[in-house]
N, C-alpha and C. Protein backbone atom coordinates (compact mmCIF):
# COMPACT_ATOMS: atom_id res chain seq x y z
N GLN A 1 0.81 -1.05 0.15
CA GLN A 1 0.02 0.20 -0.19
C GLN A 1 0.89 1.21 -0.14
N VAL A 2 0.25 2.17 -0.51
CA VAL A 2 1.06 3.54 -0.64
C VAL A 2 0.13 4.52 -0.07
N HIS A 3 0.67 5.34 0.72
CA HIS A 3 -0.08 6.38 1.46
C HIS A 3 0.35 7.79 0.85
N LEU A 4 -0.38 8.51 0.44
CA LEU A 4 0.04 9.92 -0.07
C LEU A 4 -0.57 11.00 0.71
N VAL A 5 0.16 11.84 1.08
CA VAL A 5 -0.33 13.15 1.79
C VAL A 5 -0.08 14.41 1.03
N GLU A 6 -0.71 15.13 0.65
CA GLU A 6 -0.55 16.39 0.01
C GLU A 6 -0.32 17.57 0.95
N SER A 7 0.32 18.54 0.59
CA SER A 7 0.36 19.91 1.29
C SER A 7 1.03 21.05 0.60
N GLY A 8 0.70 22.15 0.97
CA GLY A 8 1.10 23.40 0.39
C GLY A 8 0.16 24.32 -0.17
N GLY A 9 -1.27 23.82 -0.33
CA GLY A 9 -2.28 24.55 -0.87
C GLY A 9 -2.55 25.85 -0.20
N GLY A 10 -3.35 26.60 -0.40
CA GLY A 10 -3.67 27.84 0.36
C GLY A 10 -4.32 28.89 -0.66
N LEU A 11 -4.54 30.04 -0.01
CA LEU A 11 -5.24 31.15 -0.64
C LEU A 11 -4.43 32.31 -1.10
N VAL A 12 -4.00 32.30 -2.57
CA VAL A 12 -3.09 33.40 -3.03
C VAL A 12 -4.05 34.18 -4.11
N GLN A 13 -3.16 35.30 -4.56
CA GLN A 13 -3.74 36.13 -5.73
C GLN A 13 -3.37 35.88 -6.96
N ALA A 14 -4.01 36.14 -8.05
CA ALA A 14 -3.60 35.77 -9.37
C ALA A 14 -2.16 36.56 -9.59
N GLY A 15 -1.32 35.40 -10.17
CA GLY A 15 -0.03 35.98 -10.54
C GLY A 15 1.24 35.38 -9.56
N ASP A 16 0.43 35.10 -8.14
CA ASP A 16 1.49 34.32 -7.23
C ASP A 16 1.60 32.96 -7.70
N SER A 17 2.62 32.53 -6.79
CA SER A 17 3.09 31.11 -6.97
C SER A 17 2.84 30.27 -5.70
N LEU A 18 2.78 29.11 -5.89
CA LEU A 18 2.70 28.00 -4.77
C LEU A 18 3.44 26.75 -5.20
N ARG A 19 3.93 25.89 -4.20
CA ARG A 19 4.63 24.95 -4.47
C ARG A 19 3.82 23.62 -3.53
N LEU A 20 3.31 22.68 -4.39
CA LEU A 20 2.53 21.59 -3.67
C LEU A 20 3.60 20.68 -3.29
N SER A 21 3.56 19.89 -2.19
CA SER A 21 4.18 18.66 -1.90
C SER A 21 3.28 17.39 -1.93
N CYS A 22 4.04 16.44 -2.18
CA CYS A 22 3.25 15.07 -2.04
C CYS A 22 4.05 14.37 -1.35
N ALA A 23 3.76 13.73 -0.02
CA ALA A 23 4.67 12.80 0.87
C ALA A 23 4.22 11.39 0.89
N ALA A 24 4.95 10.42 0.32
CA ALA A 24 4.47 8.99 0.34
C ALA A 24 5.06 8.24 1.47
N SER A 25 4.46 7.35 1.89
CA SER A 25 4.67 6.31 2.93
C SER A 25 4.00 5.15 2.74
N GLY A 26 4.47 4.14 3.48
CA GLY A 26 4.20 2.72 3.14
C GLY A 26 5.05 1.75 2.45
N ARG A 27 5.38 2.44 1.10
CA ARG A 27 6.56 1.88 0.17
C ARG A 27 6.80 2.90 -0.51
N THR A 28 7.98 2.59 -1.04
CA THR A 28 8.60 3.51 -1.99
C THR A 28 7.86 3.70 -3.32
N VAL A 29 7.85 5.04 -3.54
CA VAL A 29 7.03 5.36 -4.93
C VAL A 29 8.21 5.37 -6.08
N SER A 30 9.35 5.22 -5.93
CA SER A 30 10.31 5.33 -6.88
C SER A 30 9.89 4.41 -8.21
N SER A 31 9.18 3.40 -8.17
CA SER A 31 8.77 2.61 -9.33
C SER A 31 7.58 3.02 -9.96
N PHE A 32 7.00 3.98 -9.42
CA PHE A 32 5.75 4.57 -9.87
C PHE A 32 5.82 5.84 -10.75
N ALA A 33 5.03 5.90 -11.62
CA ALA A 33 4.77 7.20 -12.27
C ALA A 33 3.80 7.97 -11.37
N MET A 34 3.93 9.30 -11.19
CA MET A 34 3.24 10.03 -10.35
C MET A 34 2.68 11.16 -10.94
N GLY A 35 1.44 11.51 -10.55
CA GLY A 35 0.49 12.44 -11.10
C GLY A 35 -0.05 13.35 -10.38
N TRP A 36 -0.31 14.78 -11.06
CA TRP A 36 -1.15 15.59 -10.23
C TRP A 36 -2.55 15.82 -11.08
N PHE A 37 -3.45 15.83 -10.28
CA PHE A 37 -4.76 16.30 -10.83
C PHE A 37 -5.47 17.05 -10.02
N ARG A 38 -6.58 17.86 -10.49
CA ARG A 38 -7.29 18.69 -9.79
C ARG A 38 -8.75 18.72 -10.03
N GLN A 39 -9.57 18.84 -9.07
CA GLN A 39 -11.01 19.05 -9.36
C GLN A 39 -11.72 20.19 -8.71
N ALA A 40 -12.57 20.85 -9.48
CA ALA A 40 -13.10 22.09 -9.08
C ALA A 40 -14.42 21.77 -8.46
N PRO A 41 -15.23 22.58 -7.96
CA PRO A 41 -16.64 22.35 -7.54
C PRO A 41 -17.45 21.92 -8.62
N GLY A 42 -18.28 20.61 -8.67
CA GLY A 42 -19.08 20.58 -9.79
C GLY A 42 -18.43 20.01 -10.98
N LYS A 43 -17.09 19.77 -11.10
CA LYS A 43 -16.59 19.35 -12.16
C LYS A 43 -15.75 18.02 -11.99
N GLU A 44 -15.28 17.52 -13.15
CA GLU A 44 -14.75 16.16 -13.17
C GLU A 44 -13.25 16.42 -12.45
N ARG A 45 -12.44 15.35 -12.34
CA ARG A 45 -11.13 15.31 -11.64
C ARG A 45 -10.26 15.59 -13.23
N ASP A 46 -9.53 16.62 -13.21
CA ASP A 46 -8.77 16.77 -14.37
C ASP A 46 -7.16 16.53 -14.26
N PHE A 47 -6.61 15.94 -15.33
CA PHE A 47 -5.42 15.62 -15.36
C PHE A 47 -4.49 17.06 -15.37
N VAL A 48 -3.46 17.15 -14.46
CA VAL A 48 -2.70 18.34 -14.44
C VAL A 48 -1.22 18.05 -15.28
N ALA A 49 -0.59 17.11 -14.44
CA ALA A 49 0.85 16.82 -14.91
C ALA A 49 1.18 15.29 -14.43
N HIS A 50 2.01 14.77 -15.13
CA HIS A 50 2.63 13.47 -14.56
C HIS A 50 4.21 13.45 -15.12
N ILE A 51 5.04 12.57 -14.10
CA ILE A 51 6.29 12.27 -14.31
C ILE A 51 6.75 10.68 -14.12
N ILE A 52 7.34 10.37 -15.01
CA ILE A 52 7.95 8.97 -14.90
C ILE A 52 8.61 8.59 -13.76
N SER A 53 8.78 7.37 -13.40
CA SER A 53 9.57 6.84 -12.27
C SER A 53 11.12 7.56 -12.04
N SER A 54 11.64 7.56 -13.02
CA SER A 54 13.03 8.12 -13.08
C SER A 54 13.06 9.52 -12.88
N GLY A 55 12.00 10.09 -13.20
CA GLY A 55 11.94 11.84 -13.46
C GLY A 55 12.27 12.35 -14.81
N GLY A 56 12.82 11.36 -15.46
CA GLY A 56 13.33 11.74 -16.81
C GLY A 56 12.30 12.26 -17.96
N TYR A 57 10.82 12.20 -17.61
CA TYR A 57 10.10 12.59 -18.61
C TYR A 57 8.78 13.12 -17.92
N THR A 58 8.05 14.45 -18.39
CA THR A 58 7.06 14.89 -17.86
C THR A 58 6.35 15.29 -18.77
N TYR A 59 4.99 15.42 -18.54
CA TYR A 59 3.92 15.71 -19.39
C TYR A 59 2.84 16.72 -18.68
N TYR A 60 2.55 17.80 -19.27
CA TYR A 60 1.37 18.65 -18.81
C TYR A 60 0.12 18.72 -19.59
N ALA A 61 -0.86 19.14 -19.06
CA ALA A 61 -1.95 19.49 -19.64
C ALA A 61 -1.82 20.78 -20.31
N ASP A 62 -2.56 21.07 -21.27
CA ASP A 62 -2.35 22.36 -22.03
C ASP A 62 -2.55 23.55 -21.15
N SER A 63 -3.49 23.54 -20.41
CA SER A 63 -3.98 24.62 -19.47
C SER A 63 -2.74 25.14 -18.45
N VAL A 64 -1.85 24.29 -18.24
CA VAL A 64 -0.88 24.68 -17.27
C VAL A 64 0.56 24.59 -17.80
N LYS A 65 0.69 24.07 -18.91
CA LYS A 65 1.93 24.24 -19.54
C LYS A 65 2.52 25.46 -19.67
N GLY A 66 3.89 25.48 -19.14
CA GLY A 66 4.68 26.75 -19.11
C GLY A 66 4.53 27.48 -17.69
N ARG A 67 3.53 27.07 -17.02
CA ARG A 67 3.33 27.53 -15.77
C ARG A 67 3.67 26.77 -14.80
N PHE A 68 3.44 25.52 -14.87
CA PHE A 68 3.62 24.52 -13.61
C PHE A 68 4.74 23.37 -13.89
N THR A 69 5.43 23.01 -12.96
CA THR A 69 6.58 22.14 -13.12
C THR A 69 6.29 20.95 -12.11
N ILE A 70 6.45 19.90 -12.67
CA ILE A 70 6.28 18.70 -11.82
C ILE A 70 7.86 18.18 -11.70
N SER A 71 7.96 17.48 -10.38
CA SER A 71 9.40 17.09 -10.14
C SER A 71 9.14 16.32 -9.04
N ARG A 72 10.17 15.19 -8.67
CA ARG A 72 10.27 14.43 -7.59
C ARG A 72 11.49 14.10 -7.23
N ASP A 73 11.54 13.67 -5.83
CA ASP A 73 12.80 13.16 -5.21
C ASP A 73 12.73 11.79 -4.66
N ASN A 74 12.99 10.95 -5.33
CA ASN A 74 13.01 9.50 -4.94
C ASN A 74 13.57 9.23 -3.55
N ALA A 75 14.76 9.80 -3.37
CA ALA A 75 15.31 9.72 -2.04
C ALA A 75 14.54 10.14 -0.93
N LYS A 76 13.72 11.04 -1.14
CA LYS A 76 12.63 11.35 -0.13
C LYS A 76 11.27 10.99 -0.36
N ASN A 77 11.20 10.08 -1.07
CA ASN A 77 9.70 9.60 -1.68
C ASN A 77 8.71 10.76 -1.65
N ALA A 78 9.11 11.49 -2.57
CA ALA A 78 8.17 13.03 -2.61
C ALA A 78 8.07 13.48 -3.98
N VAL A 79 7.03 14.10 -4.34
CA VAL A 79 6.62 14.58 -5.44
C VAL A 79 6.29 16.06 -5.34
N TYR A 80 6.53 16.75 -6.28
CA TYR A 80 6.28 18.21 -6.00
C TYR A 80 5.40 19.01 -7.22
N LEU A 81 4.86 19.81 -7.11
CA LEU A 81 4.04 20.72 -8.19
C LEU A 81 4.43 22.31 -8.14
N GLN A 82 5.25 22.75 -8.71
CA GLN A 82 5.48 24.14 -8.51
C GLN A 82 4.69 24.92 -9.46
N MET A 83 3.80 25.69 -8.84
CA MET A 83 2.75 26.52 -9.84
C MET A 83 3.03 28.04 -9.87
N ASN A 84 3.38 28.47 -10.93
CA ASN A 84 3.78 29.88 -11.28
C ASN A 84 2.69 30.54 -11.91
N SER A 85 2.40 31.86 -11.87
CA SER A 85 1.65 32.59 -12.66
C SER A 85 0.13 32.24 -12.28
N LEU A 86 -0.28 31.74 -11.19
CA LEU A 86 -1.75 31.40 -11.03
C LEU A 86 -2.72 32.28 -11.31
N LYS A 87 -3.78 31.66 -12.00
CA LYS A 87 -5.16 32.23 -12.35
C LYS A 87 -6.25 31.64 -11.53
N PRO A 88 -7.22 32.53 -11.49
CA PRO A 88 -8.39 32.16 -10.75
C PRO A 88 -8.98 30.68 -11.35
N GLU A 89 -8.88 30.47 -12.53
CA GLU A 89 -9.24 28.87 -12.98
C GLU A 89 -8.56 27.90 -12.56
N ASP A 90 -7.30 28.24 -11.94
CA ASP A 90 -6.59 27.19 -11.50
C ASP A 90 -7.23 26.74 -10.02
N THR A 91 -8.05 27.47 -9.39
CA THR A 91 -8.70 27.08 -8.25
C THR A 91 -9.53 25.77 -8.23
N ALA A 92 -8.86 24.79 -7.21
CA ALA A 92 -9.40 23.47 -7.22
C ALA A 92 -8.81 22.86 -6.18
N VAL A 93 -9.21 21.52 -5.81
CA VAL A 93 -8.60 20.58 -5.02
C VAL A 93 -7.50 19.86 -5.86
N TYR A 94 -6.33 19.89 -5.32
CA TYR A 94 -5.04 19.32 -6.14
C TYR A 94 -4.88 17.85 -5.42
N TYR A 95 -4.78 16.91 -6.06
CA TYR A 95 -4.66 15.58 -5.59
C TYR A 95 -3.41 14.94 -6.28
N CYS A 96 -2.45 14.23 -5.62
CA CYS A 96 -1.41 13.57 -5.83
C CYS A 96 -1.87 12.00 -6.16
N ALA A 97 -1.34 11.47 -7.09
CA ALA A 97 -1.58 9.87 -7.27
C ALA A 97 -0.27 9.39 -7.83
N ALA A 98 -0.61 8.05 -7.40
CA ALA A 98 0.64 6.87 -8.09
C ALA A 98 0.04 5.86 -8.96
N SER A 99 0.78 5.64 -10.06
CA SER A 99 0.34 4.79 -10.99
C SER A 99 1.26 3.86 -11.52
N SER A 100 1.00 2.48 -11.65
CA SER A 100 2.07 1.57 -12.12
C SER A 100 2.41 1.68 -13.70
N TYR A 101 1.76 2.54 -14.23
CA TYR A 101 1.90 2.82 -15.60
C TYR A 101 1.68 4.36 -15.90
N TYR A 102 1.91 4.69 -17.18
CA TYR A 102 1.84 6.23 -17.50
C TYR A 102 0.59 6.37 -18.06
N SER A 103 0.01 7.25 -17.46
CA SER A 103 -1.43 7.65 -17.94
C SER A 103 -2.05 8.93 -17.46
N THR A 104 -2.88 9.68 -18.14
CA THR A 104 -3.44 10.85 -18.08
C THR A 104 -4.68 10.95 -17.40
N GLN A 105 -5.32 9.42 -17.40
CA GLN A 105 -6.66 9.42 -16.75
C GLN A 105 -6.44 8.89 -15.20
N PRO A 106 -7.59 9.47 -14.56
CA PRO A 106 -7.63 8.96 -13.14
C PRO A 106 -7.60 7.59 -12.90
N LYS A 107 -8.56 6.84 -13.77
CA LYS A 107 -8.51 5.51 -13.62
C LYS A 107 -7.26 4.68 -13.75
N GLY A 108 -6.27 5.33 -14.26
CA GLY A 108 -5.01 4.68 -14.49
C GLY A 108 -4.08 4.67 -13.13
N TYR A 109 -4.62 5.28 -12.20
CA TYR A 109 -3.89 5.61 -10.73
C TYR A 109 -4.55 4.72 -9.82
N SER A 110 -3.65 4.25 -8.99
CA SER A 110 -4.19 3.13 -7.95
C SER A 110 -4.04 3.88 -6.69
N TYR A 111 -3.41 4.71 -6.37
CA TYR A 111 -3.08 5.35 -5.12
C TYR A 111 -3.53 6.97 -5.29
N TRP A 112 -4.24 7.43 -4.10
CA TRP A 112 -4.57 8.89 -4.12
C TRP A 112 -4.22 9.46 -2.75
N GLY A 113 -4.12 10.83 -2.61
CA GLY A 113 -4.11 11.41 -1.49
C GLY A 113 -5.42 12.05 -1.20
N GLN A 114 -5.23 12.74 -0.27
CA GLN A 114 -6.66 13.32 0.23
C GLN A 114 -7.00 14.66 -0.27
N GLY A 115 -5.98 15.23 -1.02
CA GLY A 115 -6.19 16.48 -1.73
C GLY A 115 -5.85 17.70 -0.75
N THR A 116 -5.29 18.72 -1.40
CA THR A 116 -5.27 20.16 -0.87
C THR A 116 -5.87 21.16 -1.63
N GLN A 117 -6.56 21.99 -1.02
CA GLN A 117 -7.15 23.05 -1.58
C GLN A 117 -6.24 24.31 -2.17
N VAL A 118 -6.33 24.88 -3.28
CA VAL A 118 -5.70 25.93 -3.99
C VAL A 118 -6.79 26.94 -4.54
N THR A 119 -6.83 27.99 -3.75
CA THR A 119 -7.75 29.05 -4.29
C THR A 119 -6.82 30.24 -4.69
N VAL A 120 -7.40 30.88 -5.72
CA VAL A 120 -6.69 32.01 -6.51
C VAL A 120 -7.89 32.96 -6.62
N SER A 121 -7.47 33.97 -5.95
CA SER A 121 -8.48 35.28 -6.02
C SER A 121 -7.97 36.33 -7.29
N SER A 122 -9.01 36.88 -7.89
CA SER A 122 -8.59 37.84 -8.88
C SER A 122 -8.30 39.11 -8.32
């Protein structure tokens, strides 16, 4: 089992930055692809970014490309999401997830954190 805990969310203004962290426990996530998803009220859970196990390849949703950066530290069993130039439309609960394969779909992920709220005011 993998237990994931997100942190770093908060209330910021448009244009600000936030760095989300995802700490894993239970087993190492170094062999998993890791992803970030987000879900706004009344909407589906959307893909944001993911990173392969080695960290050598990343992929982003078009809506965050150039503004967000996903990274991982396998020695710390952690994944991060650096979010710059935040916009009000980035407001959502952000979830960290672990997958045994590379996917942009929520159903491709076996383990999920509880989420952290990000609110961007205009």
